[in-house]
PDB file of N, CA and C in Angstrom:
ATOM      1  N   MET A   1      -1.920   0.977 -13.984  1.00  0.00           N
ATOM      2  CA  MET A   1      -2.949  -0.522 -14.050  1.00  0.00           C
ATOM      3  C   MET A   1      -3.811   0.782 -15.240  1.00  0.00           C
ATOM      4  N   ASN A   2      -4.187  -0.632 -16.365  1.00  0.00           N
ATOM      5  CA  ASN A   2      -4.832   0.658 -18.204  1.00  0.00           C
ATOM      6  C   ASN A   2      -6.021   1.055 -16.656  1.00  0.00           C
ATOM      7  N   PRO A   3      -6.550   1.140 -17.500  1.00  0.00           N
ATOM      8  CA  PRO A   3      -8.324   2.370 -16.972  1.00  0.00           C
ATOM      9  C   PRO A   3      -9.399   0.956 -17.767  1.00  0.00           C
ATOM     10  N   ARG A   4      -8.817   0.071 -18.167  1.00  0.00           N
ATOM     11  CA  ARG A   4      -9.953  -0.313 -18.057  1.00  0.00           C
ATOM     12  C   ARG A   4      -9.033  -2.019 -18.618  1.00  0.00           C
ATOM     13  N   PRO A   5      -9.264  -2.633 -17.721  1.00  0.00           N
ATOM     14  CA  PRO A   5      -8.426  -3.982 -17.432  1.00  0.00           C
ATOM     15  C   PRO A   5      -8.643  -5.261 -18.624  1.00  0.00           C
ATOM     16  N   VAL A   6      -7.392  -6.069 -19.198  1.00  0.00           N
ATOM     17  CA  VAL A   6      -8.554  -6.430 -20.021  1.00  0.00           C
ATOM     18  C   VAL A   6      -7.410  -7.978 -19.164  1.00  0.00           C
ATOM     19  N   CYS A   7      -8.148  -9.143 -19.826  1.00  0.00           N
ATOM     20  CA  CYS A   7      -7.438 -10.167 -19.270  1.00  0.00           C
ATOM     21  C   CYS A   7      -5.238 -10.577 -18.683  1.00  0.00           C
ATOM     22  N   ARG A   8      -5.445 -10.696 -18.938  1.00  0.00           N
ATOM     23  CA  ARG A   8      -3.973 -10.311 -19.489  1.00  0.00           C
ATOM     24  C   ARG A   8      -2.793  -9.240 -17.804  1.00  0.00           C
ATOM     25  N   ASP A   9      -4.249  -7.680 -17.711  1.00  0.00           N
ATOM     26  CA  ASP A   9      -4.036  -7.649 -16.376  1.00  0.00           C
ATOM     27  C   ASP A   9      -3.988  -7.713 -14.845  1.00  0.00           C
ATOM     28  N   GLY A  10      -5.432  -8.623 -15.172  1.00  0.00           N
ATOM     29  CA  GLY A  10      -5.044  -9.361 -14.644  1.00  0.00           C
ATOM     30  C   GLY A  10      -5.525 -10.049 -14.242  1.00  0.00           C
ATOM     31  N   VAL A  11      -3.682 -11.151 -14.722  1.00  0.00           N
ATOM     32  CA  VAL A  11      -3.245 -12.908 -14.853  1.00  0.00           C
ATOM     33  C   VAL A  11      -2.653 -12.114 -13.829  1.00  0.00           C
ATOM     34  N   GLU A  12      -1.885 -11.020 -14.958  1.00  0.00           N
ATOM     35  CA  GLU A  12      -0.233 -10.114 -14.082  1.00  0.00           C
ATOM     36  C   GLU A  12      -0.981 -10.254 -11.410  1.00  0.00           C
ATOM     37  N   GLN A  13      -1.854  -9.388 -11.831  1.00  0.00           N
ATOM     38  CA  GLN A  13      -1.786  -9.113 -10.375  1.00  0.00           C
ATOM     39  C   GLN A  13      -2.654  -9.781 -10.046  1.00  0.00           C
ATOM     40  N   LEU A  14      -3.217 -11.277 -10.404  1.00  0.00           N
ATOM     41  CA  LEU A  14      -3.549 -12.144  -9.471  1.00  0.00           C
ATOM     42  C   LEU A  14      -3.423 -12.363  -7.599  1.00  0.00           C
ATOM     43  N   MET A  15      -2.123 -12.535  -8.163  1.00  0.00           N
ATOM     44  CA  MET A  15      -1.554 -13.183  -6.381  1.00  0.00           C
ATOM     45  C   MET A  15      -2.845 -12.076  -5.382  1.00  0.00           C
ATOM     46  N   ASP A  16      -1.625 -10.810  -6.019  1.00  0.00           N
ATOM     47  CA  ASP A  16      -2.226  -9.431  -5.694  1.00  0.00           C
ATOM     48  C   ASP A  16      -3.608  -9.179  -5.336  1.00  0.00           C
ATOM     49  N   TYR A  17      -4.598  -9.680  -6.443  1.00  0.00           N
ATOM     50  CA  TYR A  17      -5.419  -9.533  -6.108  1.00  0.00           C
ATOM     51  C   TYR A  17      -6.665 -10.832  -5.433  1.00  0.00           C
ATOM     52  N   LEU A  18      -6.152 -11.800  -4.880  1.00  0.00           N
ATOM     53  CA  LEU A  18      -6.358 -13.090  -4.394  1.00  0.00           C
ATOM     54  C   LEU A  18      -5.808 -12.582  -2.929  1.00  0.00           C
ATOM     55  N   GLU A  19      -5.267 -11.689  -2.581  1.00  0.00           N
ATOM     56  CA  GLU A  19      -4.216 -11.907  -0.834  1.00  0.00           C
ATOM     57  C   GLU A  19      -5.147 -10.498  -0.309  1.00  0.00           C
ATOM     58  N   GLY A  20      -5.667  -9.738  -1.383  1.00  0.00           N
ATOM     59  CA  GLY A  20      -6.456  -8.594  -1.107  1.00  0.00           C
ATOM     60  C   GLY A  20      -5.571  -7.150  -1.427  1.00  0.00           C
ATOM     61  N   THR A  21      -4.083  -7.082  -1.237  1.00  0.00           N
ATOM     62  CA  THR A  21      -3.249  -6.032  -0.968  1.00  0.00           C
ATOM     63  C   THR A  21      -2.668  -5.283  -2.272  1.00  0.00           C
ATOM     64  N   LEU A  22      -4.431  -5.253  -3.280  1.00  0.00           N
ATOM     65  CA  LEU A  22      -4.137  -4.532  -4.236  1.00  0.00           C
ATOM     66  C   LEU A  22      -4.582  -3.117  -3.655  1.00  0.00           C
ATOM     67  N   PRO A  23      -4.649  -2.256  -4.576  1.00  0.00           N
ATOM     68  CA  PRO A  23      -5.256  -0.588  -4.241  1.00  0.00           C
ATOM     69  C   PRO A  23      -6.551  -0.799  -4.475  1.00  0.00           C
ATOM     70  N   ASP A  24      -7.429  -0.216  -3.832  1.00  0.00           N
ATOM     71  CA  ASP A  24      -9.163  -0.556  -3.110  1.00  0.00           C
ATOM     72  C   ASP A  24      -9.502  -0.476  -5.970  1.00  0.00           C
ATOM     73  N   ALA A  25      -8.656   0.494  -5.944  1.00  0.00           N
ATOM     74  CA  ALA A  25      -9.672   1.411  -7.400  1.00  0.00           C
ATOM     75  C   ALA A  25      -8.630   0.558  -8.611  1.00  0.00           C
ATOM     76  N   ASP A  26      -7.640  -0.682  -8.339  1.00  0.00           N
ATOM     77  CA  ASP A  26      -7.161  -1.253  -9.017  1.00  0.00           C
ATOM     78  C   ASP A  26      -8.012  -2.438  -9.050  1.00  0.00           C
ATOM     79  N   ARG A  27      -8.298  -3.362  -7.624  1.00  0.00           N
ATOM     80  CA  ARG A  27      -8.973  -4.252  -6.814  1.00  0.00           C
ATOM     81  C   ARG A  27     -10.580  -3.793  -7.795  1.00  0.00           C
ATOM     82  N   ALA A  28     -10.646  -2.760  -7.743  1.00  0.00           N
ATOM     83  CA  ALA A  28     -12.821  -2.742  -8.746  1.00  0.00           C
ATOM     84  C   ALA A  28     -12.475  -2.512 -10.330  1.00  0.00           C
ATOM     85  N   LEU A  29     -11.259  -2.275 -10.152  1.00  0.00           N
ATOM     86  CA  LEU A  29     -10.875  -2.269 -11.954  1.00  0.00           C
ATOM     87  C   LEU A  29     -11.300  -4.176 -12.009  1.00  0.00           C
ATOM     88  N   ILE A  30     -10.468  -4.939 -11.726  1.00  0.00           N
ATOM     89  CA  ILE A  30     -10.494  -6.144 -12.052  1.00  0.00           C
ATOM     90  C   ILE A  30     -11.173  -6.799 -11.341  1.00  0.00           C
ATOM     91  N   GLU A  31     -13.037  -6.381 -10.489  1.00  0.00           N
ATOM     92  CA  GLU A  31     -13.606  -7.435 -10.103  1.00  0.00           C
ATOM     93  C   GLU A  31     -15.073  -6.880 -11.133  1.00  0.00           C
ATOM     94  N   GLU A  32     -15.079  -5.249 -11.612  1.00  0.00           N
ATOM     95  CA  GLU A  32     -15.341  -5.447 -13.486  1.00  0.00           C
ATOM     96  C   GLU A  32     -16.031  -6.199 -14.225  1.00  0.00           C
ATOM     97  N   HIS A  33     -13.909  -6.184 -14.562  1.00  0.00           N
ATOM     98  CA  HIS A  33     -13.594  -7.382 -15.288  1.00  0.00           C
ATOM     99  C   HIS A  33     -14.037  -8.814 -15.605  1.00  0.00           C
ATOM    100  N   VAL A  34     -13.815  -9.425 -14.095  1.00  0.00           N
ATOM    101  CA  VAL A  34     -14.192 -10.325 -13.619  1.00  0.00           C
ATOM    102  C   VAL A  34     -15.239 -10.746 -13.584  1.00  0.00           C
ATOM    103  N   ALA A  35     -16.245  -9.744 -14.030  1.00  0.00           N
ATOM    104  CA  ALA A  35     -18.177 -10.082 -13.325  1.00  0.00           C
ATOM    105  C   ALA A  35     -18.013 -10.040 -14.641  1.00  0.00           C
ATOM    106  N   SER A  36     -17.700  -9.811 -16.164  1.00  0.00           N
ATOM    107  CA  SER A  36     -18.209  -9.626 -17.368  1.00  0.00           C
ATOM    108  C   SER A  36     -16.833 -11.344 -18.092  1.00  0.00           C
ATOM    109  N   CYS A  37     -15.992 -11.621 -17.378  1.00  0.00           N
ATOM    110  CA  CYS A  37     -15.763 -12.051 -18.733  1.00  0.00           C
ATOM    111  C   CYS A  37     -15.357 -13.616 -18.347  1.00  0.00           C
ATOM    112  N   PRO A  38     -16.269 -14.642 -18.581  1.00  0.00           N
ATOM    113  CA  PRO A  38     -16.072 -15.706 -17.770  1.00  0.00           C
ATOM    114  C   PRO A  38     -15.199 -17.087 -17.340  1.00  0.00           C
ATOM    115  N   ARG A  39     -14.233 -16.729 -18.536  1.00  0.00           N
ATOM    116  CA  ARG A  39     -13.076 -17.297 -18.387  1.00  0.00           C
ATOM    117  C   ARG A  39     -12.157 -17.067 -18.041  1.00  0.00           C
ATOM    118  N   CYS A  40     -12.385 -15.615 -16.824  1.00  0.00           N
ATOM    119  CA  CYS A  40     -11.780 -14.737 -16.062  1.00  0.00           C
ATOM    120  C   CYS A  40     -11.899 -15.434 -14.665  1.00  0.00           C
ATOM    121  N   VAL A  41     -13.205 -15.308 -14.361  1.00  0.00           N
ATOM    122  CA  VAL A  41     -14.237 -16.599 -13.397  1.00  0.00           C
ATOM    123  C   VAL A  41     -13.257 -17.585 -13.143  1.00  0.00           C
ATOM    124  N   ALA A  42     -13.689 -18.667 -14.481  1.00  0.00           N
ATOM    125  CA  ALA A  42     -13.191 -19.799 -13.768  1.00  0.00           C
ATOM    126  C   ALA A  42     -11.322 -20.271 -13.555  1.00  0.00           C
ATOM    127  N   PHE A  43     -10.611 -18.870 -13.897  1.00  0.00           N
ATOM    128  CA  PHE A  43      -9.471 -18.720 -13.783  1.00  0.00           C
ATOM    129  C   PHE A  43      -8.863 -18.518 -12.649  1.00  0.00           C
ATOM    130  N   VAL A  44     -10.229 -17.692 -11.764  1.00  0.00           N
ATOM    131  CA  VAL A  44     -10.047 -16.802 -10.213  1.00  0.00           C
ATOM    132  C   VAL A  44     -10.764 -18.171  -9.494  1.00  0.00           C
ATOM    133  N   GLU A  45     -11.790 -18.868 -10.347  1.00  0.00           N
ATOM    134  CA  GLU A  45     -11.637 -19.818  -9.601  1.00  0.00           C
ATOM    135  C   GLU A  45     -10.643 -21.021  -9.069  1.00  0.00           C
ATOM    136  N   SER A  46     -10.930 -21.118 -10.550  1.00  0.00           N
ATOM    137  CA  SER A  46      -9.427 -22.586 -10.099  1.00  0.00           C
ATOM    138  C   SER A  46      -8.373 -22.385  -9.107  1.00  0.00           C
ATOM    139  N   TYR A  47      -7.862 -20.629  -9.207  1.00  0.00           N
ATOM    140  CA  TYR A  47      -7.049 -20.557  -8.193  1.00  0.00           C
ATOM    141  C   TYR A  47      -7.277 -21.008  -7.075  1.00  0.00           C
ATOM    142  N   ARG A  48      -8.282 -20.256  -6.263  1.00  0.00           N
ATOM    143  CA  ARG A  48      -9.111 -20.217  -5.264  1.00  0.00           C
ATOM    144  C   ARG A  48      -9.149 -21.389  -4.586  1.00  0.00           C
ATOM    145  N   ARG A  49      -9.563 -22.730  -5.691  1.00  0.00           N
ATOM    146  CA  ARG A  49      -9.564 -24.049  -5.674  1.00  0.00           C
ATOM    147  C   ARG A  49      -8.876 -24.814  -5.344  1.00  0.00           C
ATOM    148  N   THR A  50      -6.972 -24.292  -5.593  1.00  0.00           N
ATOM    149  CA  THR A  50      -5.954 -24.531  -5.759  1.00  0.00           C
ATOM    150  C   THR A  50      -4.748 -25.326  -4.557  1.00  0.00           C
ATOM    151  N   PRO A  51      -5.614 -24.756  -3.029  1.00  0.00           N
ATOM    152  CA  PRO A  51      -4.746 -24.903  -2.602  1.00  0.00           C
ATOM    153  C   PRO A  51      -5.673 -26.137  -1.984  1.00  0.00           C
ATOM    154  N   GLU A  52      -7.548 -25.951  -1.806  1.00  0.00           N
ATOM    155  CA  GLU A  52      -7.871 -27.232  -1.256  1.00  0.00           C
ATOM    156  C   GLU A  52      -7.888 -28.995  -1.969  1.00  0.00           C
ATOM    157  N   ILE A  53      -8.090 -28.322  -2.962  1.00  0.00           N
ATOM    158  CA  ILE A  53      -7.340 -29.581  -4.186  1.00  0.00           C
ATOM    159  C   ILE A  53      -6.264 -30.174  -3.280  1.00  0.00           C
ATOM    160  N   LEU A  54      -4.971 -29.787  -3.234  1.00  0.00           N
ATOM    161  CA  LEU A  54      -4.008 -29.181  -2.585  1.00  0.00           C
ATOM    162  C   LEU A  54      -3.896 -30.634  -1.318  1.00  0.00           C
ATOM    163  N   ARG A  55      -4.362 -29.801  -0.367  1.00  0.00           N
ATOM    164  CA  ARG A  55      -4.904 -30.236   1.260  1.00  0.00           C
ATOM    165  C   ARG A  55      -5.433 -31.872   0.956  1.00  0.00           C
ATOM    166  N   ARG A  56      -6.235 -31.527   0.055  1.00  0.00           N
ATOM    167  CA  ARG A  56      -6.872 -33.174   0.395  1.00  0.00           C
ATOM    168  C   ARG A  56      -5.923 -34.686  -1.402  1.00  0.00           C
ATOM    169  N   ALA A  57      -5.562 -33.817  -1.449  1.00  0.00           N
ATOM    170  CA  ALA A  57      -4.998 -34.646  -2.348  1.00  0.00           C
ATOM    171  C   ALA A  57      -3.524 -35.867  -1.857  1.00  0.00           C
ATOM    172  N   THR A  58      -3.042 -34.151  -0.501  1.00  0.00           N
ATOM    173  CA  THR A  58      -1.928 -34.485   0.290  1.00  0.00           C
ATOM    174  C   THR A  58      -2.269 -35.920   1.098  1.00  0.00           C
ATOM    175  N   LEU A  59      -3.330 -36.059   1.464  1.00  0.00           N
ATOM    176  CA  LEU A  59      -4.176 -36.481   3.198  1.00  0.00           C
ATOM    177  C   LEU A  59      -4.246 -37.746   2.306  1.00  0.00           C
ATOM    178  N   ALA A  60      -4.513 -38.433   1.049  1.00  0.00           N
ATOM    179  CA  ALA A  60      -4.961 -39.330   0.658  1.00  0.00           C
ATOM    180  C   ALA A  60      -3.171 -40.411   0.985  1.00  0.00           C
ATOM    181  N   GLU A  61      -3.787 -41.301   1.447  1.00  0.00           N
ATOM    182  CA  GLU A  61      -2.925 -42.577   1.574  1.00  0.00           C
ATOM    183  C   GLU A  61      -2.931 -44.061   0.952  1.00  0.00           C
ATOM    184  N   LEU A  62      -1.713 -44.086   0.176  1.00  0.00           N
ATOM    185  CA  LEU A  62      -1.724 -45.447  -1.373  1.00  0.00           C
ATOM    186  C   LEU A  62      -2.124 -46.646   0.460  1.00  0.00           C
ATOM    187  N   PRO A  63      -2.633 -47.467  -0.415  1.00  0.00           N
ATOM    188  CA  PRO A  63      -3.220 -49.083   0.216  1.00  0.00           C
ATOM    189  C   PRO A  63      -1.151 -49.620   0.184  1.00  0.00           C
ATOM    190  N   ASP A  64      -1.141 -49.960   1.053  1.00  0.00           N
ATOM    191  CA  ASP A  64       0.423 -50.920   0.855  1.00  0.00           C
ATOM    192  C   ASP A  64       0.887 -51.305  -0.202  1.00  0.00           C
ATOM    193  N   ASP A  65      -0.115 -52.475  -0.602  1.00  0.00           N
ATOM    194  CA  ASP A  65       0.166 -53.095  -1.525  1.00  0.00           C
ATOM    195  C   ASP A  65       0.285 -52.200  -2.594  1.00  0.00           C
ATOM    196  N   LEU A  66      -0.993 -51.164  -3.396  1.00  0.00           N
ATOM    197  CA  LEU A  66      -0.285 -50.616  -4.405  1.00  0.00           C
ATOM    198  C   LEU A  66       1.015 -49.235  -3.943  1.00  0.00           C
ATOM    199  N   ALA A  67       1.875 -48.568  -2.698  1.00  0.00           N
ATOM    200  CA  ALA A  67       2.676 -48.609  -2.646  1.00  0.00           C
ATOM    201  C   ALA A  67       3.299 -48.716  -2.790  1.00  0.00           C
ATOM    202  N   ALA A  68       4.027 -50.763  -2.129  1.00  0.00           N
ATOM    203  CA  ALA A  68       5.128 -51.491  -3.219  1.00  0.00           C
ATOM    204  C   ALA A  68       4.831 -51.905  -3.844  1.00  0.00           C
ATOM    205  N   SER A  69       3.341 -51.563  -4.722  1.00  0.00           N
ATOM    206  CA  SER A  69       3.956 -52.288  -6.213  1.00  0.00           C
ATOM    207  C   SER A  69       4.386 -51.188  -6.909  1.00  0.00           C
ATOM    208  N   LEU A  70       3.977 -49.385  -6.569  1.00  0.00           N
ATOM    209  CA  LEU A  70       4.522 -48.137  -7.660  1.00  0.00           C
ATOM    210  C   LEU A  70       5.830 -48.157  -6.585  1.00  0.00           C
ATOM    211  N   HIS A  71       6.790 -48.259  -5.471  1.00  0.00           N
ATOM    212  CA  HIS A  71       7.798 -48.580  -5.385  1.00  0.00           C
ATOM    213  C   HIS A  71       8.231 -50.207  -6.490  1.00  0.00           C
ATOM    214  N   ARG A  72       8.111 -50.642  -7.099  1.00  0.00           N
ATOM    215  CA  ARG A  72       8.681 -51.281  -7.318  1.00  0.00           C
ATOM    216  C   ARG A  72       9.038 -50.639  -8.850  1.00  0.00           C
ATOM    217  N   PHE A  73       7.811 -50.518  -9.308  1.00  0.00           N
ATOM    218  CA  PHE A  73       8.168 -49.386 -10.485  1.00  0.00           C
ATOM    219  C   PHE A  73       9.050 -48.815 -11.167  1.00  0.00           C
ATOM    220  N   LEU A  74       8.514 -48.073 -10.063  1.00  0.00           N
ATOM    221  CA  LEU A  74      10.011 -46.754 -10.345  1.00  0.00           C
ATOM    222  C   LEU A  74      10.946 -47.679  -9.329  1.00  0.00           C
ATOM    223  N   ALA A  75      11.563 -47.873  -8.994  1.00  0.00           N
ATOM    224  CA  ALA A  75      13.344 -48.384  -8.961  1.00  0.00           C
ATOM    225  C   ALA A  75      13.378 -49.815  -9.834  1.00  0.00           C
ATOM    226  N   SER A  76      12.504 -49.732 -10.704  1.00  0.00           N
ATOM    227  CA  SER A  76      12.706 -51.276 -12.145  1.00  0.00           C
ATOM    228  C   SER A  76      13.142 -49.741 -13.262  1.00  0.00           C
ATOM    229  N   ARG A  77      13.056 -47.966 -13.486  1.00  0.00           N
ATOM    230  CA  ARG A  77      12.549 -47.385 -14.304  1.00  0.00           C
ATOM    231  C   ARG A  77      14.606 -47.201 -13.499  1.00  0.00           C
ATOM    232  N   ARG A  78      14.860 -47.190 -12.193  1.00  0.00           N
ATOM    233  CA  ARG A  78      16.092 -46.189 -12.831  1.00  0.00           C
ATOM    234  C   ARG A  78      17.279 -46.946 -13.474  1.00  0.00           C
TER     235      ARG A  78
END
């Protein structure tokens, strides 16, 4: 990794960063960059929140009438 990471470097290593598998030196460089980059702060936060958002979305149940309406609509498009 470059001595001074840029946004592109963080994105390339984002999953390793979020999973805590980066070497300490690389992690420190990314954290230093993220601390001073609002775009990267938002990007990292969105990745951290994605699993929670997906869990909540998949827990929602459609009311029976809406599910039947959606089924009819999709069937009509085949």
